[in-house]
Amino acid sequence: MASLGLPGLAGFWGEFPAILSAYNPLNGAGLPFGGLNVVTFRVYMVIAAIGTVFAAAYLLWLYQRTAFGEPNPEFVADNAHLAHSVGAAANPHEDHHVDIHDVGPYEWIAWTPLLVGILVLGVYPQLLFKITDPAVTNILAVFGK
């Protein structure tokens, strides 16, 4: 969900400042960067905002198609005996469970740091900006900006 660019999640801080900076592209001298006119920057801003909406729509469509819908026939309760017998034939010493669980303890252990990081950087992005700002400043100095 962070990829949708929702406020409060880490993906928001990649999309929102880029679109916002296109709204007011003037440098310190009151001139647009690159010699482009302000209207051009605003057109780019609208295109970026529309692209963000399309990206969010695509991600939601993709999530709906992959996470919801009809299960494969091998996981349907009527075919449980078939799935169990096929699994037992492949590895007779392993106990196969017919039911499917959403998330197990190993997944929670692996995902928890990622989820916490997404929320922390979404609420307080300055943690990441403090690390990246010096590098960006150095790169801009190389190009004379």
C-alpha atoms as a PDB file:
ATOM      1  CA  MET A   1       0.000   0.000   0.000  1.00  0.00           C
ATOM      2  CA  ALA A   2       2.967   2.331   0.483  1.00  0.00           C
ATOM      3  CA  SER A   3       3.525   2.173  -3.289  1.00  0.00           C
ATOM      4  CA  LEU A   4       0.225   3.975  -3.757  1.00  0.00           C
ATOM      5  CA  GLY A   5       1.771   7.145  -2.362  1.00  0.00           C
ATOM      6  CA  LEU A   6      -0.718   7.477   0.483  1.00  0.00           C
ATOM      7  CA  PRO A   7       0.089  10.185   3.050  1.00  0.00           C
ATOM      8  CA  GLY A   8       1.621   8.718   6.181  1.00  0.00           C
ATOM      9  CA  LEU A   9       3.444   5.981   4.279  1.00  0.00           C
ATOM     10  CA  ALA A  10       6.953   6.023   2.847  1.00  0.00           C
ATOM     11  CA  GLY A  11       5.932   6.137  -0.840  1.00  0.00           C
ATOM     12  CA  PHE A  12       4.198   9.481  -0.350  1.00  0.00           C
ATOM     13  CA  TRP A  13       7.493  11.300   0.138  1.00  0.00           C
ATOM     14  CA  GLY A  14       8.803  10.161  -3.216  1.00  0.00           C
ATOM     15  CA  GLU A  15       5.826  11.441  -5.181  1.00  0.00           C
ATOM     16  CA  PHE A  16       4.500  14.477  -3.370  1.00  0.00           C
ATOM     17  CA  PRO A  17       7.675  16.648  -3.185  1.00  0.00           C
ATOM     18  CA  ALA A  18       8.437  15.998  -6.861  1.00  0.00           C
ATOM     19  CA  ILE A  19       4.980  17.173  -7.915  1.00  0.00           C
ATOM     20  CA  LEU A  20       5.030  20.084  -5.464  1.00  0.00           C
ATOM     21  CA  SER A  21       8.431  21.300  -6.680  1.00  0.00           C
ATOM     22  CA  ALA A  22       7.115  21.484 -10.245  1.00  0.00           C
ATOM     23  CA  TYR A  23       4.413  23.902  -9.077  1.00  0.00           C
ATOM     24  CA  ASN A  24       6.954  26.578  -8.088  1.00  0.00           C
ATOM     25  CA  PRO A  25      10.089  25.948 -10.187  1.00  0.00           C
ATOM     26  CA  LEU A  26      11.761  29.321  -9.560  1.00  0.00           C
ATOM     27  CA  ASN A  27      15.318  29.388  -8.314  1.00  0.00           C
ATOM     28  CA  GLY A  28      16.676  31.970  -5.866  1.00  0.00           C
ATOM     29  CA  ALA A  29      17.028  34.610  -8.605  1.00  0.00           C
ATOM     30  CA  GLY A  30      13.345  34.356  -9.550  1.00  0.00           C
ATOM     31  CA  LEU A  31      14.093  32.574 -12.837  1.00  0.00           C
ATOM     32  CA  PRO A  32      12.825  29.124 -13.789  1.00  0.00           C
ATOM     33  CA  PHE A  33      15.399  26.328 -13.751  1.00  0.00           C
ATOM     34  CA  GLY A  34      16.669  25.334 -17.167  1.00  0.00           C
ATOM     35  CA  GLY A  35      15.226  28.428 -18.827  1.00  0.00           C
ATOM     36  CA  LEU A  36      11.796  26.807 -19.109  1.00  0.00           C
ATOM     37  CA  ASN A  37       8.704  28.821 -18.594  1.00  0.00           C
ATOM     38  CA  VAL A  38       6.608  28.362 -15.437  1.00  0.00           C
ATOM     39  CA  VAL A  39       3.605  27.154 -17.457  1.00  0.00           C
ATOM     40  CA  THR A  40       5.731  24.290 -18.804  1.00  0.00           C
ATOM     41  CA  PHE A  41       6.577  23.221 -15.250  1.00  0.00           C
ATOM     42  CA  ARG A  42       2.917  23.347 -14.271  1.00  0.00           C
ATOM     43  CA  VAL A  43       1.977  21.183 -17.261  1.00  0.00           C
ATOM     44  CA  TYR A  44       4.625  18.691 -16.139  1.00  0.00           C
ATOM     45  CA  MET A  45       3.138  18.809 -12.648  1.00  0.00           C
ATOM     46  CA  VAL A  46      -0.331  17.931 -13.966  1.00  0.00           C
ATOM     47  CA  ILE A  47       1.116  15.092 -16.060  1.00  0.00           C
ATOM     48  CA  ALA A  48       2.978  13.748 -13.010  1.00  0.00           C
ATOM     49  CA  ALA A  49      -0.172  13.962 -10.869  1.00  0.00           C
ATOM     50  CA  ILE A  50      -2.194  12.094 -13.501  1.00  0.00           C
ATOM     51  CA  GLY A  51       0.583   9.494 -13.703  1.00  0.00           C
ATOM     52  CA  THR A  52       0.431   9.066  -9.947  1.00  0.00           C
ATOM     53  CA  VAL A  53      -3.320   8.463 -10.108  1.00  0.00           C
ATOM     54  CA  PHE A  54      -2.879   5.923 -12.934  1.00  0.00           C
ATOM     55  CA  ALA A  55      -0.114   4.153 -10.990  1.00  0.00           C
ATOM     56  CA  ALA A  56      -2.352   3.926  -7.910  1.00  0.00           C
ATOM     57  CA  ALA A  57      -5.245   2.611 -10.010  1.00  0.00           C
ATOM     58  CA  TYR A  58      -3.000   0.014 -11.630  1.00  0.00           C
ATOM     59  CA  LEU A  59      -1.604  -1.136  -8.266  1.00  0.00           C
ATOM     60  CA  LEU A  60      -5.104  -1.500  -6.822  1.00  0.00           C
ATOM     61  CA  TRP A  61      -6.238  -3.419  -9.915  1.00  0.00           C
ATOM     62  CA  LEU A  62      -3.170  -5.664  -9.677  1.00  0.00           C
ATOM     63  CA  TYR A  63      -3.734  -6.261  -5.962  1.00  0.00           C
ATOM     64  CA  GLN A  64      -7.398  -7.082  -6.551  1.00  0.00           C
ATOM     65  CA  ARG A  65      -6.524  -9.613  -9.267  1.00  0.00           C
ATOM     66  CA  THR A  66      -3.780 -11.312  -7.262  1.00  0.00           C
ATOM     67  CA  ALA A  67      -5.237 -11.277  -3.748  1.00  0.00           C
ATOM     68  CA  PHE A  68      -8.936 -11.801  -4.394  1.00  0.00           C
ATOM     69  CA  GLY A  69     -10.912 -14.051  -6.677  1.00  0.00           C
ATOM     70  CA  GLU A  70     -11.443 -17.743  -7.119  1.00  0.00           C
ATOM     71  CA  PRO A  71      -8.835 -20.133  -5.700  1.00  0.00           C
ATOM     72  CA  ASN A  72      -7.107 -22.613  -7.972  1.00  0.00           C
ATOM     73  CA  PRO A  73      -8.847 -26.001  -8.159  1.00  0.00           C
ATOM     74  CA  GLU A  74      -6.012 -27.653  -6.234  1.00  0.00           C
ATOM     75  CA  PHE A  75      -6.895 -25.568  -3.160  1.00  0.00           C
ATOM     76  CA  VAL A  76     -10.662 -26.038  -3.192  1.00  0.00           C
ATOM     77  CA  ALA A  77     -12.098 -28.130  -0.320  1.00  0.00           C
ATOM     78  CA  ASP A  78     -13.645 -30.686  -2.729  1.00  0.00           C
ATOM     79  CA  ASN A  79     -10.189 -31.505  -4.085  1.00  0.00           C
ATOM     80  CA  ALA A  80      -8.529 -31.582  -0.655  1.00  0.00           C
ATOM     81  CA  HIS A  81      -8.010 -35.335  -0.769  1.00  0.00           C
ATOM     82  CA  LEU A  82      -6.349 -35.010  -4.185  1.00  0.00           C
ATOM     83  CA  ALA A  83      -3.996 -32.238  -3.041  1.00  0.00           C
ATOM     84  CA  HIS A  84      -3.113 -34.237   0.069  1.00  0.00           C
ATOM     85  CA  SER A  85      -2.441 -37.421  -1.871  1.00  0.00           C
ATOM     86  CA  VAL A  86      -0.252 -35.607  -4.432  1.00  0.00           C
ATOM     87  CA  GLY A  87       1.715 -33.922  -1.637  1.00  0.00           C
ATOM     88  CA  ALA A  88       2.049 -37.179   0.280  1.00  0.00           C
ATOM     89  CA  ALA A  89       3.372 -38.901  -2.820  1.00  0.00           C
ATOM     90  CA  ALA A  90       6.019 -36.215  -3.293  1.00  0.00           C
ATOM     91  CA  ASN A  91       7.218 -36.355   0.326  1.00  0.00           C
ATOM     92  CA  PRO A  92       5.621 -39.122   2.379  1.00  0.00           C
ATOM     93  CA  HIS A  93       7.369 -38.103   5.620  1.00  0.00           C
ATOM     94  CA  GLU A  94       6.034 -34.547   5.670  1.00  0.00           C
ATOM     95  CA  ASP A  95       2.637 -33.786   7.180  1.00  0.00           C
ATOM     96  CA  HIS A  96       0.660 -31.689   4.691  1.00  0.00           C
ATOM     97  CA  HIS A  97      -2.117 -29.412   5.821  1.00  0.00           C
ATOM     98  CA  VAL A  98      -4.992 -28.877   3.448  1.00  0.00           C
ATOM     99  CA  ASP A  99      -6.021 -25.500   4.828  1.00  0.00           C
ATOM    100  CA  ILE A 100      -4.185 -22.361   3.700  1.00  0.00           C
ATOM    101  CA  HIS A 101      -3.206 -19.723   6.235  1.00  0.00           C
ATOM    102  CA  ASP A 102      -2.796 -16.067   5.342  1.00  0.00           C
ATOM    103  CA  VAL A 103       0.309 -15.187   7.332  1.00  0.00           C
ATOM    104  CA  GLY A 104       2.396 -17.362   9.602  1.00  0.00           C
ATOM    105  CA  PRO A 105       4.851 -16.417  12.330  1.00  0.00           C
ATOM    106  CA  TYR A 106       7.861 -16.499   9.982  1.00  0.00           C
ATOM    107  CA  GLU A 107       6.207 -14.011   7.650  1.00  0.00           C
ATOM    108  CA  TRP A 108       5.384 -11.695  10.566  1.00  0.00           C
ATOM    109  CA  ILE A 109       8.980 -11.865  11.763  1.00  0.00           C
ATOM    110  CA  ALA A 110      10.248 -10.967   8.294  1.00  0.00           C
ATOM    111  CA  TRP A 111       7.644  -8.275   7.541  1.00  0.00           C
ATOM    112  CA  THR A 112       7.519  -6.436  10.871  1.00  0.00           C
ATOM    113  CA  PRO A 113      10.758  -4.431  10.372  1.00  0.00           C
ATOM    114  CA  LEU A 114       9.645  -3.492   6.854  1.00  0.00           C
ATOM    115  CA  LEU A 115       6.193  -2.398   8.018  1.00  0.00           C
ATOM    116  CA  VAL A 116       7.650  -0.376  10.881  1.00  0.00           C
ATOM    117  CA  GLY A 117      10.130   1.273   8.487  1.00  0.00           C
ATOM    118  CA  ILE A 118       7.360   2.184   6.046  1.00  0.00           C
ATOM    119  CA  LEU A 119       5.283   3.785   8.799  1.00  0.00           C
ATOM    120  CA  VAL A 120       8.212   5.574  10.487  1.00  0.00           C
ATOM    121  CA  LEU A 121       9.506   7.041   7.217  1.00  0.00           C
ATOM    122  CA  GLY A 122       5.963   7.941   6.216  1.00  0.00           C
ATOM    123  CA  VAL A 123       5.317   9.880   9.409  1.00  0.00           C
ATOM    124  CA  TYR A 124       8.826  11.321   9.859  1.00  0.00           C
ATOM    125  CA  PRO A 125      10.638  11.399   6.481  1.00  0.00           C
ATOM    126  CA  GLN A 126      13.342  13.723   7.836  1.00  0.00           C
ATOM    127  CA  LEU A 127      15.201  10.619   9.017  1.00  0.00           C
ATOM    128  CA  LEU A 128      15.881   9.735   5.390  1.00  0.00           C
ATOM    129  CA  PHE A 129      16.215  13.322   4.158  1.00  0.00           C
ATOM    130  CA  LYS A 130      19.000  13.982   6.700  1.00  0.00           C
ATOM    131  CA  ILE A 131      20.986  11.177   5.089  1.00  0.00           C
ATOM    132  CA  THR A 132      20.316  12.059   1.438  1.00  0.00           C
ATOM    133  CA  ASP A 133      20.455  15.882   1.558  1.00  0.00           C
ATOM    134  CA  PRO A 134      24.285  16.160   1.772  1.00  0.00           C
ATOM    135  CA  ALA A 135      24.709  13.884  -1.257  1.00  0.00           C
ATOM    136  CA  VAL A 136      22.139  15.839  -3.269  1.00  0.00           C
ATOM    137  CA  THR A 137      23.798  19.138  -2.292  1.00  0.00           C
ATOM    138  CA  ASN A 138      27.188  17.822  -3.451  1.00  0.00           C
ATOM    139  CA  ILE A 139      25.762  16.646  -6.765  1.00  0.00           C
ATOM    140  CA  LEU A 140      24.088  20.021  -7.348  1.00  0.00           C
ATOM    141  CA  ALA A 141      27.379  21.778  -6.562  1.00  0.00           C
ATOM    142  CA  VAL A 142      29.093  19.739  -9.294  1.00  0.00           C
ATOM    143  CA  PHE A 143      26.547  20.994 -11.820  1.00  0.00           C
ATOM    144  CA  GLY A 144      26.800  24.582 -10.565  1.00  0.00           C
ATOM    145  CA  LYS A 145      23.292  24.805  -9.106  1.00  0.00           C
END
